[in-house]
């Protein structure tokens, strides 16, 4: 980010007016204080309710396997017109799961993992035991979750999906992560 937009303190420039034109000095001094307060306000980190979705589609019939996406998904946060990041991170709010054909013999259990080292190591977005992983119960085609162990994603993070349990029937799965952006100051 550029540092050329700093608001200079003009106190030293207007100090001669203190004795020559007191009223003008007071007005300019107030304007300087106001400009400084605007600058301070603008640098505060702000999380906004600007929804940012991540959609992961897994076609076909689900089988137990690791890294099942057709390609590695890389988180890309929005950029401004100068290609600077507009957001620092994505604060995850919920995950929804839908299936074209729901499971009918056993629950569909999966995990979404994140890597912040270009795919060398991965950590689960959810608690460590399979009992706490997101799942789609038998005969249900939609579920929603919000219990994340890791609830923040950053630009450049990689995501992968592992299928931990599948009945060979559930198919056409879509995982939809929704979060709010934390803006860059």
C-alpha atoms as a PDB file:
ATOM      1  CA  UNK A   1       0.000   0.000   0.000  1.00  0.00           C
ATOM      2  CA  UNK A   2       1.150   3.510  -0.717  1.00  0.00           C
ATOM      3  CA  UNK A   3       2.247   5.817   2.089  1.00  0.00           C
ATOM      4  CA  UNK A   4       1.850   8.992   0.047  1.00  0.00           C
ATOM      5  CA  UNK A   5      -1.675   9.547   1.378  1.00  0.00           C
ATOM      6  CA  UNK A   6      -0.479  10.573   4.838  1.00  0.00           C
ATOM      7  CA  UNK A   7      -2.126  13.665   6.254  1.00  0.00           C
ATOM      8  CA  UNK A   8       0.614  16.075   7.418  1.00  0.00           C
ATOM      9  CA  UNK A   9       0.240  18.092  10.594  1.00  0.00           C
ATOM     10  CA  UNK A  10       0.034  21.745   9.537  1.00  0.00           C
ATOM     11  CA  UNK A  11       0.591  23.273  12.984  1.00  0.00           C
ATOM     12  CA  UNK A  12       4.032  24.582  12.120  1.00  0.00           C
ATOM     13  CA  UNK A  13       2.679  26.174   8.915  1.00  0.00           C
ATOM     14  CA  UNK A  14      -0.167  28.074  10.565  1.00  0.00           C
ATOM     15  CA  UNK A  15       1.614  29.121  13.791  1.00  0.00           C
ATOM     16  CA  UNK A  16       2.474  32.627  12.405  1.00  0.00           C
ATOM     17  CA  UNK A  17      -1.271  33.242  12.030  1.00  0.00           C
ATOM     18  CA  UNK A  18      -1.744  32.810  15.774  1.00  0.00           C
ATOM     19  CA  UNK A  19      -0.739  36.432  16.393  1.00  0.00           C
ATOM     20  CA  UNK A  20      -1.738  37.975  13.005  1.00  0.00           C
ATOM     21  CA  UNK A  21      -5.171  36.427  12.413  1.00  0.00           C
ATOM     22  CA  UNK A  22      -6.388  34.497  15.462  1.00  0.00           C
ATOM     23  CA  UNK A  23      -9.742  33.491  13.943  1.00  0.00           C
ATOM     24  CA  UNK A  24      -8.146  32.063  10.761  1.00  0.00           C
ATOM     25  CA  UNK A  25      -5.587  30.232  12.929  1.00  0.00           C
ATOM     26  CA  UNK A  26      -8.410  28.653  15.004  1.00  0.00           C
ATOM     27  CA  UNK A  27     -10.325  27.533  11.903  1.00  0.00           C
ATOM     28  CA  UNK A  28      -7.246  26.013  10.250  1.00  0.00           C
ATOM     29  CA  UNK A  29      -6.240  24.338  13.510  1.00  0.00           C
ATOM     30  CA  UNK A  30      -9.724  22.765  13.810  1.00  0.00           C
ATOM     31  CA  UNK A  31      -9.556  21.600  10.185  1.00  0.00           C
ATOM     32  CA  UNK A  32      -6.164  20.006  10.897  1.00  0.00           C
ATOM     33  CA  UNK A  33      -7.564  18.155  13.928  1.00  0.00           C
ATOM     34  CA  UNK A  34     -10.554  17.005  11.876  1.00  0.00           C
ATOM     35  CA  UNK A  35      -8.273  15.736   9.072  1.00  0.00           C
ATOM     36  CA  UNK A  36      -6.186  13.817  11.613  1.00  0.00           C
ATOM     37  CA  UNK A  37      -9.311  12.222  13.128  1.00  0.00           C
ATOM     38  CA  UNK A  38     -10.492  11.154   9.649  1.00  0.00           C
ATOM     39  CA  UNK A  39      -7.101   9.596   8.997  1.00  0.00           C
ATOM     40  CA  UNK A  40      -7.235   7.737  12.331  1.00  0.00           C
ATOM     41  CA  UNK A  41     -10.750   6.476  11.547  1.00  0.00           C
ATOM     42  CA  UNK A  42      -9.706   5.296   8.101  1.00  0.00           C
ATOM     43  CA  UNK A  43      -6.879   3.140   9.486  1.00  0.00           C
ATOM     44  CA  UNK A  44      -9.082   1.126  11.834  1.00  0.00           C
ATOM     45  CA  UNK A  45      -9.601  -2.515  10.799  1.00  0.00           C
ATOM     46  CA  UNK A  46     -13.197  -3.155   9.919  1.00  0.00           C
ATOM     47  CA  UNK A  47     -15.102  -6.380   9.451  1.00  0.00           C
ATOM     48  CA  UNK A  48     -18.010  -5.742   7.173  1.00  0.00           C
ATOM     49  CA  UNK A  49     -21.027  -7.822   6.385  1.00  0.00           C
ATOM     50  CA  UNK A  50     -19.784  -8.231   2.855  1.00  0.00           C
ATOM     51  CA  UNK A  51     -20.512 -11.861   2.087  1.00  0.00           C
ATOM     52  CA  UNK A  52     -17.806 -13.723   0.241  1.00  0.00           C
ATOM     53  CA  UNK A  53     -18.677 -17.240  -0.957  1.00  0.00           C
ATOM     54  CA  UNK A  54     -16.470 -20.223  -1.738  1.00  0.00           C
ATOM     55  CA  UNK A  55     -18.192 -22.982  -3.700  1.00  0.00           C
ATOM     56  CA  UNK A  56     -16.640 -26.446  -3.931  1.00  0.00           C
ATOM     57  CA  UNK A  57     -18.362 -28.854  -6.327  1.00  0.00           C
ATOM     58  CA  UNK A  58     -17.705 -32.602  -6.214  1.00  0.00           C
ATOM     59  CA  UNK A  59     -19.360 -34.334  -9.159  1.00  0.00           C
ATOM     60  CA  UNK A  60     -20.263 -38.004  -9.391  1.00  0.00           C
ATOM     61  CA  UNK A  61     -20.783 -40.668  -6.738  1.00  0.00           C
ATOM     62  CA  UNK A  62     -18.849 -40.087  -3.509  1.00  0.00           C
ATOM     63  CA  UNK A  63     -16.279 -42.655  -2.388  1.00  0.00           C
ATOM     64  CA  UNK A  64     -13.838 -42.535   0.524  1.00  0.00           C
ATOM     65  CA  UNK A  65     -10.732 -40.695  -0.702  1.00  0.00           C
ATOM     66  CA  UNK A  66      -8.421 -37.772   0.044  1.00  0.00           C
ATOM     67  CA  UNK A  67      -8.108 -34.595  -1.999  1.00  0.00           C
ATOM     68  CA  UNK A  68     -11.182 -35.210  -4.177  1.00  0.00           C
ATOM     69  CA  UNK A  69     -11.575 -31.805  -5.853  1.00  0.00           C
ATOM     70  CA  UNK A  70     -10.824 -31.669  -9.570  1.00  0.00           C
ATOM     71  CA  UNK A  71      -8.180 -29.025  -8.808  1.00  0.00           C
ATOM     72  CA  UNK A  72      -6.700 -27.485  -5.684  1.00  0.00           C
ATOM     73  CA  UNK A  73      -8.865 -24.514  -4.673  1.00  0.00           C
ATOM     74  CA  UNK A  74      -6.866 -21.378  -3.851  1.00  0.00           C
ATOM     75  CA  UNK A  75      -8.539 -18.642  -1.787  1.00  0.00           C
ATOM     76  CA  UNK A  76      -8.451 -15.345  -3.673  1.00  0.00           C
ATOM     77  CA  UNK A  77      -9.751 -12.297  -1.814  1.00  0.00           C
ATOM     78  CA  UNK A  78     -10.963  -9.288  -3.829  1.00  0.00           C
ATOM     79  CA  UNK A  79      -8.552  -6.690  -5.214  1.00  0.00           C
ATOM     80  CA  UNK A  80      -8.940  -2.979  -5.925  1.00  0.00           C
ATOM     81  CA  UNK A  81      -8.253  -1.387  -9.317  1.00  0.00           C
ATOM     82  CA  UNK A  82      -4.504  -1.234  -8.493  1.00  0.00           C
ATOM     83  CA  UNK A  83      -4.412  -4.969  -7.620  1.00  0.00           C
ATOM     84  CA  UNK A  84      -4.080  -4.324  -3.874  1.00  0.00           C
ATOM     85  CA  UNK A  85      -5.989  -6.606  -1.519  1.00  0.00           C
ATOM     86  CA  UNK A  86      -9.240  -5.088  -0.268  1.00  0.00           C
ATOM     87  CA  UNK A  87      -9.498  -7.545   2.621  1.00  0.00           C
ATOM     88  CA  UNK A  88      -7.085  -9.039   5.141  1.00  0.00           C
ATOM     89  CA  UNK A  89      -9.016 -12.233   5.726  1.00  0.00           C
ATOM     90  CA  UNK A  90     -12.278 -14.085   5.340  1.00  0.00           C
ATOM     91  CA  UNK A  91     -14.084 -14.740   8.624  1.00  0.00           C
ATOM     92  CA  UNK A  92     -16.085 -17.933   8.044  1.00  0.00           C
ATOM     93  CA  UNK A  93     -19.751 -17.825   9.065  1.00  0.00           C
ATOM     94  CA  UNK A  94     -21.185 -21.150   7.925  1.00  0.00           C
ATOM     95  CA  UNK A  95     -20.896 -24.126   5.625  1.00  0.00           C
ATOM     96  CA  UNK A  96     -23.845 -25.571   3.733  1.00  0.00           C
ATOM     97  CA  UNK A  97     -23.807 -29.016   2.176  1.00  0.00           C
ATOM     98  CA  UNK A  98     -26.162 -30.166  -0.532  1.00  0.00           C
ATOM     99  CA  UNK A  99     -26.351 -33.367  -2.541  1.00  0.00           C
ATOM    100  CA  UNK A 100     -28.183 -34.131  -5.751  1.00  0.00           C
ATOM    101  CA  UNK A 101     -28.777 -37.660  -4.445  1.00  0.00           C
ATOM    102  CA  UNK A 102     -28.655 -37.948  -0.612  1.00  0.00           C
ATOM    103  CA  UNK A 103     -27.064 -40.861   1.244  1.00  0.00           C
ATOM    104  CA  UNK A 104     -29.430 -43.777   1.970  1.00  0.00           C
ATOM    105  CA  UNK A 105     -27.342 -46.365   3.869  1.00  0.00           C
ATOM    106  CA  UNK A 106     -25.002 -44.270   6.061  1.00  0.00           C
ATOM    107  CA  UNK A 107     -24.161 -40.631   6.630  1.00  0.00           C
ATOM    108  CA  UNK A 108     -21.834 -38.828   4.249  1.00  0.00           C
ATOM    109  CA  UNK A 109     -18.893 -37.496   6.313  1.00  0.00           C
ATOM    110  CA  UNK A 110     -16.183 -35.255   4.907  1.00  0.00           C
ATOM    111  CA  UNK A 111     -13.524 -32.753   5.896  1.00  0.00           C
ATOM    112  CA  UNK A 112     -12.288 -29.490   4.409  1.00  0.00           C
ATOM    113  CA  UNK A 113      -8.627 -28.797   5.052  1.00  0.00           C
ATOM    114  CA  UNK A 114      -6.628 -25.581   4.643  1.00  0.00           C
ATOM    115  CA  UNK A 115      -2.953 -25.031   3.862  1.00  0.00           C
ATOM    116  CA  UNK A 116      -1.133 -21.737   4.301  1.00  0.00           C
ATOM    117  CA  UNK A 117       2.205 -23.128   3.094  1.00  0.00           C
ATOM    118  CA  UNK A 118       1.333 -23.739  -0.581  1.00  0.00           C
ATOM    119  CA  UNK A 119      -0.091 -27.211   0.007  1.00  0.00           C
ATOM    120  CA  UNK A 120       2.780 -28.738   1.992  1.00  0.00           C
ATOM    121  CA  UNK A 121       0.740 -29.290   5.166  1.00  0.00           C
ATOM    122  CA  UNK A 122      -3.020 -29.147   5.770  1.00  0.00           C
ATOM    123  CA  UNK A 123      -5.163 -28.550   8.860  1.00  0.00           C
ATOM    124  CA  UNK A 124      -8.872 -29.279   9.205  1.00  0.00           C
ATOM    125  CA  UNK A 125     -11.328 -26.381   9.372  1.00  0.00           C
ATOM    126  CA  UNK A 126     -13.335 -28.541  11.817  1.00  0.00           C
ATOM    127  CA  UNK A 127     -12.698 -30.207  15.195  1.00  0.00           C
ATOM    128  CA  UNK A 128     -10.294 -33.183  15.116  1.00  0.00           C
ATOM    129  CA  UNK A 129     -12.594 -36.205  15.652  1.00  0.00           C
ATOM    130  CA  UNK A 130     -14.828 -37.680  12.943  1.00  0.00           C
ATOM    131  CA  UNK A 131     -17.822 -37.337  15.273  1.00  0.00           C
ATOM    132  CA  UNK A 132     -17.446 -33.533  15.036  1.00  0.00           C
ATOM    133  CA  UNK A 133     -16.843 -33.340  11.273  1.00  0.00           C
ATOM    134  CA  UNK A 134     -19.643 -32.046   9.062  1.00  0.00           C
ATOM    135  CA  UNK A 135     -21.907 -34.729   7.647  1.00  0.00           C
ATOM    136  CA  UNK A 136     -25.042 -35.288   5.631  1.00  0.00           C
ATOM    137  CA  UNK A 137     -27.439 -37.698   7.410  1.00  0.00           C
ATOM    138  CA  UNK A 138     -29.233 -40.538   5.653  1.00  0.00           C
ATOM    139  CA  UNK A 139     -32.077 -39.335   3.375  1.00  0.00           C
ATOM    140  CA  UNK A 140     -31.215 -35.669   3.872  1.00  0.00           C
ATOM    141  CA  UNK A 141     -30.010 -33.591   0.921  1.00  0.00           C
ATOM    142  CA  UNK A 142     -29.079 -30.384   2.781  1.00  0.00           C
ATOM    143  CA  UNK A 143     -27.337 -29.409   6.043  1.00  0.00           C
ATOM    144  CA  UNK A 144     -25.764 -26.271   7.470  1.00  0.00           C
ATOM    145  CA  UNK A 145     -22.809 -25.986   9.916  1.00  0.00           C
ATOM    146  CA  UNK A 146     -21.111 -23.188  11.781  1.00  0.00           C
ATOM    147  CA  UNK A 147     -18.793 -24.979  14.233  1.00  0.00           C
ATOM    148  CA  UNK A 148     -15.312 -24.279  12.849  1.00  0.00           C
ATOM    149  CA  UNK A 149     -12.007 -25.063  14.560  1.00  0.00           C
ATOM    150  CA  UNK A 150     -10.291 -22.733  12.065  1.00  0.00           C
ATOM    151  CA  UNK A 151     -12.656 -19.928  11.108  1.00  0.00           C
ATOM    152  CA  UNK A 152     -10.385 -17.609   9.118  1.00  0.00           C
ATOM    153  CA  UNK A 153      -9.036 -17.950   5.591  1.00  0.00           C
ATOM    154  CA  UNK A 154      -6.391 -15.734   4.003  1.00  0.00           C
ATOM    155  CA  UNK A 155      -5.514 -14.835   0.443  1.00  0.00           C
ATOM    156  CA  UNK A 156      -3.429 -17.617  -1.081  1.00  0.00           C
ATOM    157  CA  UNK A 157      -4.618 -20.389   1.270  1.00  0.00           C
ATOM    158  CA  UNK A 158      -5.230 -23.730  -0.434  1.00  0.00           C
ATOM    159  CA  UNK A 159      -8.304 -25.865   0.313  1.00  0.00           C
ATOM    160  CA  UNK A 160      -8.800 -29.567  -0.192  1.00  0.00           C
ATOM    161  CA  UNK A 161     -11.676 -31.931   0.562  1.00  0.00           C
ATOM    162  CA  UNK A 162     -11.320 -35.432   2.016  1.00  0.00           C
ATOM    163  CA  UNK A 163     -14.257 -37.865   2.035  1.00  0.00           C
ATOM    164  CA  UNK A 164     -14.184 -39.824   5.277  1.00  0.00           C
ATOM    165  CA  UNK A 165     -17.359 -41.906   4.866  1.00  0.00           C
ATOM    166  CA  UNK A 166     -19.648 -42.506   1.883  1.00  0.00           C
ATOM    167  CA  UNK A 167     -22.295 -45.099   1.119  1.00  0.00           C
ATOM    168  CA  UNK A 168     -21.691 -45.299  -2.638  1.00  0.00           C
ATOM    169  CA  UNK A 169     -25.045 -43.615  -3.329  1.00  0.00           C
ATOM    170  CA  UNK A 170     -24.619 -39.974  -2.341  1.00  0.00           C
ATOM    171  CA  UNK A 171     -23.661 -37.942  -5.391  1.00  0.00           C
ATOM    172  CA  UNK A 172     -23.423 -34.465  -6.847  1.00  0.00           C
ATOM    173  CA  UNK A 173     -22.220 -32.765  -3.672  1.00  0.00           C
ATOM    174  CA  UNK A 174     -21.765 -29.021  -3.302  1.00  0.00           C
ATOM    175  CA  UNK A 175     -19.971 -27.456  -0.327  1.00  0.00           C
ATOM    176  CA  UNK A 176     -20.644 -23.750   0.112  1.00  0.00           C
ATOM    177  CA  UNK A 177     -18.549 -21.747   2.577  1.00  0.00           C
ATOM    178  CA  UNK A 178     -19.749 -18.238   3.339  1.00  0.00           C
ATOM    179  CA  UNK A 179     -17.804 -15.630   5.264  1.00  0.00           C
ATOM    180  CA  UNK A 180     -17.429 -11.904   5.854  1.00  0.00           C
ATOM    181  CA  UNK A 181     -14.421  -9.941   4.699  1.00  0.00           C
ATOM    182  CA  UNK A 182     -12.193  -8.032   7.124  1.00  0.00           C
ATOM    183  CA  UNK A 183     -11.126  -4.965   5.175  1.00  0.00           C
ATOM    184  CA  UNK A 184      -7.519  -3.780   4.871  1.00  0.00           C
ATOM    185  CA  UNK A 185      -7.038  -0.531   6.825  1.00  0.00           C
END
